[in-house]
Amino acid sequence: MKSKGSSLSVGADDAVNIGPREQMKRRVMGIVFLIVGAGLAFLMIAYDAPRLPRAAVFFPLWMAGLGLFQAREKT
């Protein structure tokens, strides 16, 4: 049975849990990791690295995505 006062829906403004300073930190982290990942991918392709070591590009690109998406969504 559901009580009148309880609601599980959360609005977009209610879900913000980082301030502008932390958003900037995460955005900068995302941009730095994006540059590192792109540079690493370029070098590995340029030097014809084997496929398995190329998987190392995943980590910096993953961190870039996390940082940029967290900054955008303010979480």
Protein backbone atom coordinates (compact mmCIF):
# COMPACT_ATOMS: atom_id res chain seq x y z
CA MET A 1 0.00 0.00 0.00
CA LYS A 2 1.36 3.43 -0.97
CA SER A 3 1.14 6.36 1.41
CA LYS A 4 0.17 9.81 0.15
CA GLY A 5 3.43 11.55 1.13
CA SER A 6 5.93 9.17 -0.49
CA SER A 7 7.11 9.58 -4.03
CA LEU A 8 10.03 7.86 -5.72
CA SER A 9 10.31 10.24 -8.66
CA VAL A 10 13.18 12.69 -8.57
CA GLY A 11 13.28 15.77 -10.77
CA ALA A 12 16.40 16.76 -12.72
CA ASP A 13 17.07 19.69 -10.37
CA ASP A 14 16.87 17.45 -7.30
CA ALA A 15 19.56 15.05 -8.58
CA VAL A 16 22.40 17.63 -8.69
CA ASN A 17 25.08 16.63 -6.22
CA ILE A 18 28.19 18.52 -7.39
CA GLY A 19 28.86 22.23 -7.53
CA PRO A 20 30.34 24.30 -10.34
CA ARG A 21 33.91 23.80 -9.09
CA GLU A 22 33.61 19.99 -9.12
CA GLN A 23 31.92 20.13 -12.53
CA MET A 24 34.92 22.04 -13.86
CA LYS A 25 37.32 19.46 -12.36
CA ARG A 26 35.46 16.60 -14.02
CA ARG A 27 35.22 18.43 -17.33
CA VAL A 28 38.98 19.12 -17.31
CA MET A 29 39.69 15.51 -16.35
CA GLY A 30 37.47 14.34 -19.21
CA ILE A 31 39.20 16.57 -21.74
CA VAL A 32 42.68 15.55 -20.56
CA PHE A 33 41.85 11.84 -20.75
CA LEU A 34 40.25 12.36 -24.17
CA ILE A 35 43.46 13.95 -25.45
CA VAL A 36 45.57 11.20 -23.87
CA GLY A 37 43.35 8.46 -25.33
CA ALA A 38 43.31 10.00 -28.80
CA GLY A 39 47.08 10.51 -28.72
CA LEU A 40 47.66 6.96 -27.53
CA ALA A 41 45.38 5.59 -30.26
CA PHE A 42 47.17 7.67 -32.90
CA LEU A 43 50.61 6.47 -31.75
CA MET A 44 49.55 2.83 -31.61
CA ILE A 45 48.10 2.98 -35.10
CA ALA A 46 51.08 4.95 -36.45
CA TYR A 47 53.55 2.42 -35.04
CA ASP A 48 51.37 -0.53 -36.09
CA ALA A 49 50.99 -1.92 -32.56
CA PRO A 50 49.40 -5.37 -32.22
CA ARG A 51 45.68 -5.50 -31.48
CA LEU A 52 45.91 -6.56 -27.84
CA PRO A 53 48.05 -3.60 -26.68
CA ARG A 54 45.67 -1.29 -28.56
CA ALA A 55 43.07 -2.25 -25.97
CA ALA A 56 44.97 0.03 -23.56
CA VAL A 57 43.22 2.93 -25.32
CA PHE A 58 39.96 1.83 -23.69
CA PHE A 59 40.87 3.05 -20.18
CA PRO A 60 41.66 6.70 -20.98
CA LEU A 61 38.65 6.95 -23.27
CA TRP A 62 36.42 5.42 -20.59
CA MET A 63 37.70 7.93 -18.04
CA ALA A 64 37.11 10.76 -20.55
CA GLY A 65 33.53 9.64 -21.03
CA LEU A 66 32.90 9.38 -17.32
CA GLY A 67 34.33 12.81 -16.60
CA LEU A 68 32.48 14.57 -19.41
CA PHE A 69 29.14 12.87 -18.78
CA GLN A 70 29.33 13.47 -15.01
CA ALA A 71 30.13 17.15 -15.58
CA ARG A 72 27.24 17.49 -18.01
CA GLU A 73 24.73 15.69 -15.80
CA LYS A 74 26.04 17.29 -12.57
CA THR A 75 26.34 13.96 -10.77
